Amino acid sequence: MICHHCGNDPGLKAGSTVVWNGFEDQDNGQLCCNGCKQVHYEKKAAAGMQGLYSEFPVIIKLQDE
């Protein structure tokens, strides 16, 4: 999973074994790490989507070993 804004993979959320440390925006389909959340919503507002918040957690399916 790669953040649309910074291009990094922040890995899993602290304390989780399956939840990515970010979200998928259901309004525009972008993946956003929690570190880029403010930038994400600033850019979203500039694109005419101000006030829309549709964060969905991203579950990472672990591959069988």
Protein backbone atom coordinates (compact mmCIF):
# COMPACT_ATOMS: atom_id res chain seq x y z
CA MET A 1 0.00 0.00 0.00
CA ILE A 2 1.39 3.36 -1.06
CA CYS A 3 0.17 6.81 0.01
CA HIS A 4 -1.08 8.90 -2.93
CA HIS A 5 0.57 12.04 -1.51
CA CYS A 6 4.00 11.09 -0.15
CA GLY A 7 4.59 7.85 -2.04
CA ASN A 8 5.51 5.96 1.12
CA ASP A 9 4.13 2.83 2.72
CA PRO A 10 3.58 3.61 6.42
CA GLY A 11 3.01 -0.06 7.23
CA LEU A 12 0.51 -1.27 9.75
CA LYS A 13 -1.27 0.82 12.34
CA ALA A 14 0.37 0.59 15.77
CA GLY A 15 -0.99 -2.37 17.69
CA SER A 16 -2.60 -3.97 14.65
CA THR A 17 -1.63 -6.96 12.56
CA VAL A 18 -4.00 -6.24 9.65
CA VAL A 19 -5.00 -2.53 9.52
CA TRP A 20 -2.92 -0.21 7.35
CA ASN A 21 -1.71 3.05 8.93
CA GLY A 22 -3.92 5.18 6.71
CA PHE A 23 -7.25 5.06 4.90
CA GLU A 24 -8.95 4.86 1.54
CA ASP A 25 -10.98 7.91 0.59
CA GLN A 26 -14.21 6.58 -0.92
CA ASP A 27 -14.96 9.91 -2.61
CA ASN A 28 -11.89 9.88 -4.86
CA GLY A 29 -10.39 6.39 -4.37
CA GLN A 30 -7.08 7.67 -3.06
CA LEU A 31 -5.04 5.92 -0.40
CA CYS A 32 -3.72 8.32 2.22
CA CYS A 33 -1.38 7.60 5.12
CA ASN A 34 -2.28 9.18 8.43
CA GLY A 35 0.77 11.46 8.17
CA CYS A 36 -0.64 13.11 5.03
CA LYS A 37 -4.20 13.51 6.27
CA GLN A 38 -4.10 17.33 6.46
CA VAL A 39 -2.56 17.67 2.98
CA HIS A 40 -5.12 15.21 1.63
CA TYR A 41 -8.08 17.24 2.87
CA GLU A 42 -6.55 20.53 1.72
CA LYS A 43 -6.13 19.13 -1.80
CA LYS A 44 -9.58 17.57 -1.69
CA ALA A 45 -11.14 20.93 -0.75
CA ALA A 46 -9.23 22.66 -3.55
CA ALA A 47 -10.71 20.11 -5.98
CA GLY A 48 -14.24 21.09 -4.97
CA MET A 49 -14.86 18.30 -2.47
CA GLN A 50 -14.73 20.38 0.71
CA GLY A 51 -16.65 18.89 3.61
CA LEU A 52 -16.69 15.35 2.22
CA TYR A 53 -15.16 12.84 4.63
CA SER A 54 -15.29 9.19 3.64
CA GLU A 55 -12.38 7.46 5.33
CA PHE A 56 -12.46 3.69 5.22
CA PRO A 57 -9.86 1.51 6.92
CA VAL A 58 -7.68 -0.62 4.70
CA ILE A 59 -7.31 -4.22 5.76
CA ILE A 60 -4.14 -5.92 4.57
CA LYS A 61 -4.57 -9.60 3.89
CA LEU A 62 -1.45 -11.42 4.91
CA GLN A 63 -0.16 -13.98 2.49
CA ASP A 64 0.04 -17.56 3.62
CA GLU A 65 3.53 -18.54 4.60
